[in-house]
């Protein structure tokens, strides 16, 4: 799974992936949570994990692209 996620991220924006290994690790972890919830057939947890992943990704990548630190909170 990690290779698939890294490949997808590298396809979307290779410069961000190469310059920010922390983004890669966070992406793998957040996708893992989604996949595990789906495997458990837990739609509520899958939804929560998906929304958390989307929010984090939007903040983190948005911050990296704009040069601003993400506002975690």
PDB file of N, CA and C in Angstrom:
ATOM      1  N   UNK A   1       0.819  -1.188   0.000  1.00  0.00           N
ATOM      2  CA  UNK A   1       0.000   0.000   0.000  1.00  0.00           C
ATOM      3  C   UNK A   1       0.866   1.257   0.000  1.00  0.00           C
ATOM      4  N   UNK A   2       1.947   1.235   0.740  1.00  0.00           N
ATOM      5  CA  UNK A   2       2.805   2.416   0.818  1.00  0.00           C
ATOM      6  C   UNK A   2       3.347   2.808  -0.546  1.00  0.00           C
ATOM      7  N   UNK A   3       3.712   1.824  -1.353  1.00  0.00           N
ATOM      8  CA  UNK A   3       4.246   2.121  -2.685  1.00  0.00           C
ATOM      9  C   UNK A   3       3.190   2.754  -3.581  1.00  0.00           C
ATOM     10  N   UNK A   4       1.954   2.296  -3.460  1.00  0.00           N
ATOM     11  CA  UNK A   4       0.865   2.855  -4.260  1.00  0.00           C
ATOM     12  C   UNK A   4       0.625   4.315  -3.875  1.00  0.00           C
ATOM     13  N   UNK A   5       0.591   4.581  -2.579  1.00  0.00           N
ATOM     14  CA  UNK A   5       0.353   5.949  -2.097  1.00  0.00           C
ATOM     15  C   UNK A   5       1.499   6.866  -2.531  1.00  0.00           C
ATOM     16  N   UNK A   6       2.731   6.400  -2.371  1.00  0.00           N
ATOM     17  CA  UNK A   6       3.870   7.231  -2.771  1.00  0.00           C
ATOM     18  C   UNK A   6       3.819   7.505  -4.271  1.00  0.00           C
ATOM     19  N   UNK A   7       3.474   6.488  -5.054  1.00  0.00           N
ATOM     20  CA  UNK A   7       3.362   6.671  -6.496  1.00  0.00           C
ATOM     21  C   UNK A   7       2.297   7.691  -6.862  1.00  0.00           C
ATOM     22  N   UNK A   8       1.154   7.607  -6.177  1.00  0.00           N
ATOM     23  CA  UNK A   8       0.075   8.551  -6.456  1.00  0.00           C
ATOM     24  C   UNK A   8       0.485   9.972  -6.082  1.00  0.00           C
ATOM     25  N   UNK A   9       1.102  10.124  -4.916  1.00  0.00           N
ATOM     26  CA  UNK A   9       1.540  11.457  -4.487  1.00  0.00           C
ATOM     27  C   UNK A   9       2.616  12.005  -5.431  1.00  0.00           C
ATOM     28  N   UNK A  10       3.535  11.140  -5.836  1.00  0.00           N
ATOM     29  CA  UNK A  10       4.600  11.579  -6.737  1.00  0.00           C
ATOM     30  C   UNK A  10       4.051  11.979  -8.103  1.00  0.00           C
ATOM     31  N   UNK A  11       2.974  11.326  -8.523  1.00  0.00           N
ATOM     32  CA  UNK A  11       2.350  11.671  -9.794  1.00  0.00           C
ATOM     33  C   UNK A  11       1.678  13.028  -9.717  1.00  0.00           C
ATOM     34  N   UNK A  12       0.988  13.275  -8.600  1.00  0.00           N
ATOM     35  CA  UNK A  12       0.263  14.531  -8.426  1.00  0.00           C
ATOM     36  C   UNK A  12       1.233  15.698  -8.292  1.00  0.00           C
ATOM     37  N   UNK A  13       2.235  15.547  -7.438  1.00  0.00           N
ATOM     38  CA  UNK A  13       3.189  16.636  -7.244  1.00  0.00           C
ATOM     39  C   UNK A  13       4.529  16.076  -6.783  1.00  0.00           C
ATOM     40  N   UNK A  14       5.383  15.674  -7.714  1.00  0.00           N
ATOM     41  CA  UNK A  14       6.652  15.050  -7.344  1.00  0.00           C
ATOM     42  C   UNK A  14       7.571  15.950  -6.522  1.00  0.00           C
ATOM     43  N   UNK A  15       7.539  17.234  -6.721  1.00  0.00           N
ATOM     44  CA  UNK A  15       8.420  18.137  -5.966  1.00  0.00           C
ATOM     45  C   UNK A  15       8.080  18.129  -4.491  1.00  0.00           C
ATOM     46  N   UNK A  16       6.799  18.097  -4.167  1.00  0.00           N
ATOM     47  CA  UNK A  16       6.400  18.080  -2.755  1.00  0.00           C
ATOM     48  C   UNK A  16       6.840  16.780  -2.103  1.00  0.00           C
ATOM     49  N   UNK A  17       6.647  15.662  -2.773  1.00  0.00           N
ATOM     50  CA  UNK A  17       7.004  14.365  -2.193  1.00  0.00           C
ATOM     51  C   UNK A  17       8.508  14.266  -1.972  1.00  0.00           C
ATOM     52  N   UNK A  18       9.291  14.688  -2.950  1.00  0.00           N
ATOM     53  CA  UNK A  18      10.744  14.603  -2.821  1.00  0.00           C
ATOM     54  C   UNK A  18      11.272  15.518  -1.724  1.00  0.00           C
ATOM     55  N   UNK A  19      10.666  16.663  -1.542  1.00  0.00           N
ATOM     56  CA  UNK A  19      11.154  17.644  -0.575  1.00  0.00           C
ATOM     57  C   UNK A  19      10.592  17.436   0.829  1.00  0.00           C
ATOM     58  N   UNK A  20       9.561  16.594   0.964  1.00  0.00           N
ATOM     59  CA  UNK A  20       8.881  16.488   2.260  1.00  0.00           C
ATOM     60  C   UNK A  20       8.546  15.039   2.599  1.00  0.00           C
ATOM     61  N   UNK A  21       9.535  14.314   3.118  1.00  0.00           N
ATOM     62  CA  UNK A  21       9.294  12.922   3.497  1.00  0.00           C
ATOM     63  C   UNK A  21       8.234  12.808   4.582  1.00  0.00           C
ATOM     64  N   UNK A  22       8.081  13.840   5.399  1.00  0.00           N
ATOM     65  CA  UNK A  22       7.061  13.805   6.451  1.00  0.00           C
ATOM     66  C   UNK A  22       5.658  13.731   5.863  1.00  0.00           C
ATOM     67  N   UNK A  23       5.444  14.334   4.702  1.00  0.00           N
ATOM     68  CA  UNK A  23       4.140  14.241   4.033  1.00  0.00           C
ATOM     69  C   UNK A  23       3.856  12.808   3.618  1.00  0.00           C
ATOM     70  N   UNK A  24       4.869  12.137   3.129  1.00  0.00           N
ATOM     71  CA  UNK A  24       4.711  10.755   2.702  1.00  0.00           C
ATOM     72  C   UNK A  24       4.303   9.873   3.887  1.00  0.00           C
ATOM     73  N   UNK A  25       5.004   9.994   4.989  1.00  0.00           N
ATOM     74  CA  UNK A  25       4.695   9.176   6.173  1.00  0.00           C
ATOM     75  C   UNK A  25       3.288   9.463   6.697  1.00  0.00           C
ATOM     76  N   UNK A  26       2.907  10.713   6.739  1.00  0.00           N
ATOM     77  CA  UNK A  26       1.563  11.084   7.201  1.00  0.00           C
ATOM     78  C   UNK A  26       0.502  10.548   6.246  1.00  0.00           C
ATOM     79  N   UNK A  27       0.784  10.592   4.952  1.00  0.00           N
ATOM     80  CA  UNK A  27      -0.181  10.088   3.969  1.00  0.00           C
ATOM     81  C   UNK A  27      -0.376   8.593   4.112  1.00  0.00           C
ATOM     82  N   UNK A  28       0.701   7.867   4.299  1.00  0.00           N
ATOM     83  CA  UNK A  28       0.600   6.419   4.478  1.00  0.00           C
ATOM     84  C   UNK A  28      -0.219   6.101   5.723  1.00  0.00           C
ATOM     85  N   UNK A  29       0.058   6.784   6.813  1.00  0.00           N
ATOM     86  CA  UNK A  29      -0.671   6.531   8.061  1.00  0.00           C
ATOM     87  C   UNK A  29      -2.158   6.853   7.923  1.00  0.00           C
ATOM     88  N   UNK A  30      -2.475   7.973   7.321  1.00  0.00           N
ATOM     89  CA  UNK A  30      -3.888   8.343   7.208  1.00  0.00           C
ATOM     90  C   UNK A  30      -4.639   7.397   6.265  1.00  0.00           C
ATOM     91  N   UNK A  31      -3.996   6.973   5.193  1.00  0.00           N
ATOM     92  CA  UNK A  31      -4.626   6.004   4.294  1.00  0.00           C
ATOM     93  C   UNK A  31      -4.785   4.648   4.983  1.00  0.00           C
ATOM     94  N   UNK A  32      -3.811   4.286   5.806  1.00  0.00           N
ATOM     95  CA  UNK A  32      -3.890   3.024   6.541  1.00  0.00           C
ATOM     96  C   UNK A  32      -5.126   2.993   7.423  1.00  0.00           C
ATOM     97  N   UNK A  33      -5.394   4.095   8.101  1.00  0.00           N
ATOM     98  CA  UNK A  33      -6.584   4.169   8.964  1.00  0.00           C
ATOM     99  C   UNK A  33      -7.863   3.967   8.167  1.00  0.00           C
ATOM    100  N   UNK A  34      -7.936   4.567   7.003  1.00  0.00           N
ATOM    101  CA  UNK A  34      -9.122   4.421   6.155  1.00  0.00           C
ATOM    102  C   UNK A  34      -9.283   2.964   5.716  1.00  0.00           C
ATOM    103  N   UNK A  35      -8.199   2.389   5.215  1.00  0.00           N
ATOM    104  CA  UNK A  35      -8.252   1.008   4.716  1.00  0.00           C
ATOM    105  C   UNK A  35      -8.631   0.042   5.838  1.00  0.00           C
ATOM    106  N   UNK A  36      -8.040   0.202   7.006  1.00  0.00           N
ATOM    107  CA  UNK A  36      -8.358  -0.693   8.119  1.00  0.00           C
ATOM    108  C   UNK A  36      -9.822  -0.584   8.529  1.00  0.00           C
ATOM    109  N   UNK A  37     -10.362   0.616   8.531  1.00  0.00           N
ATOM    110  CA  UNK A  37     -11.780   0.791   8.868  1.00  0.00           C
ATOM    111  C   UNK A  37     -12.671   0.111   7.838  1.00  0.00           C
ATOM    112  N   UNK A  38     -12.311   0.223   6.588  1.00  0.00           N
ATOM    113  CA  UNK A  38     -13.077  -0.442   5.531  1.00  0.00           C
ATOM    114  C   UNK A  38     -12.985  -1.956   5.689  1.00  0.00           C
ATOM    115  N   UNK A  39     -11.798  -2.459   5.956  1.00  0.00           N
ATOM    116  CA  UNK A  39     -11.628  -3.901   6.144  1.00  0.00           C
ATOM    117  C   UNK A  39     -12.447  -4.424   7.322  1.00  0.00           C
ATOM    118  N   UNK A  40     -12.595  -3.599   8.362  1.00  0.00           N
ATOM    119  CA  UNK A  40     -13.426  -3.979   9.519  1.00  0.00           C
ATOM    120  C   UNK A  40     -14.910  -3.794   9.244  1.00  0.00           C
ATOM    121  N   UNK A  41     -15.217  -3.243   8.076  1.00  0.00           N
ATOM    122  CA  UNK A  41     -16.604  -2.923   7.695  1.00  0.00           C
ATOM    123  C   UNK A  41     -17.240  -1.965   8.708  1.00  0.00           C
ATOM    124  N   UNK A  42     -16.451  -0.934   9.026  1.00  0.00           N
ATOM    125  CA  UNK A  42     -16.884   0.088   9.984  1.00  0.00           C
ATOM    126  C   UNK A  42     -17.059   1.403   9.226  1.00  0.00           C
ATOM    127  N   UNK A  43     -18.261   1.625   8.673  1.00  0.00           N
ATOM    128  CA  UNK A  43     -18.447   2.816   7.834  1.00  0.00           C
ATOM    129  C   UNK A  43     -18.274   4.128   8.585  1.00  0.00           C
ATOM    130  N   UNK A  44     -18.661   4.177   9.841  1.00  0.00           N
ATOM    131  CA  UNK A  44     -18.533   5.418  10.606  1.00  0.00           C
ATOM    132  C   UNK A  44     -17.052   5.777  10.803  1.00  0.00           C
ATOM    133  N   UNK A  45     -16.245   4.789  11.191  1.00  0.00           N
ATOM    134  CA  UNK A  45     -14.808   5.047  11.365  1.00  0.00           C
ATOM    135  C   UNK A  45     -14.135   5.349  10.028  1.00  0.00           C
ATOM    136  N   UNK A  46     -14.564   4.681   8.967  1.00  0.00           N
ATOM    137  CA  UNK A  46     -14.005   4.958   7.641  1.00  0.00           C
ATOM    138  C   UNK A  46     -14.304   6.393   7.225  1.00  0.00           C
ATOM    139  N   UNK A  47     -15.504   6.843   7.510  1.00  0.00           N
ATOM    140  CA  UNK A  47     -15.869   8.227   7.180  1.00  0.00           C
ATOM    141  C   UNK A  47     -15.033   9.214   7.992  1.00  0.00           C
ATOM    142  N   UNK A  48     -14.914   8.952   9.288  1.00  0.00           N
ATOM    143  CA  UNK A  48     -14.122   9.842  10.155  1.00  0.00           C
ATOM    144  C   UNK A  48     -12.671   9.878   9.694  1.00  0.00           C
ATOM    145  N   UNK A  49     -12.101   8.702   9.418  1.00  0.00           N
ATOM    146  CA  UNK A  49     -10.709   8.632   8.973  1.00  0.00           C
ATOM    147  C   UNK A  49     -10.532   9.346   7.634  1.00  0.00           C
ATOM    148  N   UNK A  50     -11.494   9.189   6.744  1.00  0.00           N
ATOM    149  CA  UNK A  50     -11.419   9.845   5.432  1.00  0.00           C
ATOM    150  C   UNK A  50     -11.476  11.353   5.565  1.00  0.00           C
ATOM    151  N   UNK A  51     -12.400  11.844   6.371  1.00  0.00           N
ATOM    152  CA  UNK A  51     -12.523  13.292   6.547  1.00  0.00           C
ATOM    153  C   UNK A  51     -11.295  13.878   7.235  1.00  0.00           C
ATOM    154  N   UNK A  52     -10.758  13.154   8.202  1.00  0.00           N
ATOM    155  CA  UNK A  52      -9.534  13.589   8.878  1.00  0.00           C
ATOM    156  C   UNK A  52      -8.384  13.657   7.883  1.00  0.00           C
ATOM    157  N   UNK A  53      -8.274  12.649   7.038  1.00  0.00           N
ATOM    158  CA  UNK A  53      -7.222  12.604   6.027  1.00  0.00           C
ATOM    159  C   UNK A  53      -7.358  13.782   5.056  1.00  0.00           C
ATOM    160  N   UNK A  54      -8.555  14.052   4.612  1.00  0.00           N
ATOM    161  CA  UNK A  54      -8.792  15.147   3.670  1.00  0.00           C
ATOM    162  C   UNK A  54      -8.450  16.493   4.302  1.00  0.00           C
ATOM    163  N   UNK A  55      -8.901  16.698   5.533  1.00  0.00           N
ATOM    164  CA  UNK A  55      -8.607  17.958   6.226  1.00  0.00           C
ATOM    165  C   UNK A  55      -7.104  18.155   6.408  1.00  0.00           C
ATOM    166  N   UNK A  56      -6.424  17.114   6.875  1.00  0.00           N
ATOM    167  CA  UNK A  56      -4.984  17.205   7.099  1.00  0.00           C
ATOM    168  C   UNK A  56      -4.256  17.484   5.790  1.00  0.00           C
ATOM    169  N   UNK A  57      -4.639  16.746   4.756  1.00  0.00           N
ATOM    170  CA  UNK A  57      -3.984  16.898   3.461  1.00  0.00           C
ATOM    171  C   UNK A  57      -4.164  18.308   2.915  1.00  0.00           C
ATOM    172  N   UNK A  58      -5.371  18.822   3.018  1.00  0.00           N
ATOM    173  CA  UNK A  58      -5.631  20.173   2.526  1.00  0.00           C
ATOM    174  C   UNK A  58      -4.783  21.203   3.268  1.00  0.00           C
ATOM    175  N   UNK A  59      -4.694  21.066   4.582  1.00  0.00           N
ATOM    176  CA  UNK A  59      -3.898  22.010   5.371  1.00  0.00           C
ATOM    177  C   UNK A  59      -2.410  21.858   5.087  1.00  0.00           C
ATOM    178  N   UNK A  60      -1.935  20.622   5.124  1.00  0.00           N
ATOM    179  CA  UNK A  60      -0.503  20.368   4.990  1.00  0.00           C
ATOM    180  C   UNK A  60       0.003  20.706   3.594  1.00  0.00           C
ATOM    181  N   UNK A  61      -0.627  20.193   2.581  1.00  0.00           N
ATOM    182  CA  UNK A  61      -0.173  20.459   1.213  1.00  0.00           C
ATOM    183  C   UNK A  61      -0.405  21.916   0.851  1.00  0.00           C
ATOM    184  N   UNK A  62      -1.517  22.466   1.286  1.00  0.00           N
ATOM    185  CA  UNK A  62      -1.760  23.885   1.041  1.00  0.00           C
ATOM    186  C   UNK A  62      -0.672  24.743   1.644  1.00  0.00           C
ATOM    187  N   UNK A  63      -0.241  24.397   2.851  1.00  0.00           N
ATOM    188  CA  UNK A  63       0.830  25.135   3.515  1.00  0.00           C
ATOM    189  C   UNK A  63       2.163  24.971   2.813  1.00  0.00           C
ATOM    190  N   UNK A  64       2.445  23.748   2.358  1.00  0.00           N
ATOM    191  CA  UNK A  64       3.713  23.501   1.673  1.00  0.00           C
ATOM    192  C   UNK A  64       3.766  24.241   0.342  1.00  0.00           C
ATOM    193  N   UNK A  65       2.667  24.248  -0.376  1.00  0.00           N
ATOM    194  CA  UNK A  65       2.623  24.903  -1.672  1.00  0.00           C
ATOM    195  C   UNK A  65       2.734  26.418  -1.514  1.00  0.00           C
ATOM    196  N   UNK A  66       2.031  26.961  -0.505  1.00  0.00           N
ATOM    197  CA  UNK A  66       2.045  28.412  -0.327  1.00  0.00           C
ATOM    198  C   UNK A  66       3.248  28.895   0.462  1.00  0.00           C
ATOM    199  N   UNK A  67       3.978  27.956   1.094  1.00  0.00           N
ATOM    200  CA  UNK A  67       5.140  28.346   1.899  1.00  0.00           C
ATOM    201  C   UNK A  67       4.783  28.720   3.316  1.00  0.00           C
ATOM    202  N   UNK A  68       3.515  28.517   3.717  1.00  0.00           N
ATOM    203  CA  UNK A  68       3.075  28.837   5.062  1.00  0.00           C
ATOM    204  C   UNK A  68       2.979  27.562   5.881  1.00  0.00           C
ATOM    205  N   UNK A  69       3.197  27.682   7.187  1.00  0.00           N
ATOM    206  CA  UNK A  69       3.051  26.546   8.086  1.00  0.00           C
ATOM    207  C   UNK A  69       1.565  26.222   8.231  1.00  0.00           C
ATOM    208  N   UNK A  70       1.222  24.906   8.276  1.00  0.00           N
ATOM    209  CA  UNK A  70      -0.179  24.537   8.445  1.00  0.00           C
ATOM    210  C   UNK A  70      -0.688  24.904   9.825  1.00  0.00           C
ATOM    211  N   UNK A  71      -1.972  25.193   9.929  1.00  0.00           N
ATOM    212  CA  UNK A  71      -2.596  25.561  11.208  1.00  0.00           C
ATOM    213  C   UNK A  71      -3.245  24.325  11.803  1.00  0.00           C
ATOM    214  N   UNK A  72      -2.477  23.550  12.562  1.00  0.00           N
ATOM    215  CA  UNK A  72      -3.019  22.354  13.210  1.00  0.00           C
ATOM    216  C   UNK A  72      -3.747  22.773  14.480  1.00  0.00           C
ATOM    217  N   UNK A  73      -4.867  22.130  14.720  1.00  0.00           N
ATOM    218  CA  UNK A  73      -5.559  22.542  15.943  1.00  0.00           C
ATOM    219  C   UNK A  73      -6.656  21.734  16.279  1.00  0.00           C
TER     220      UNK A  73
END
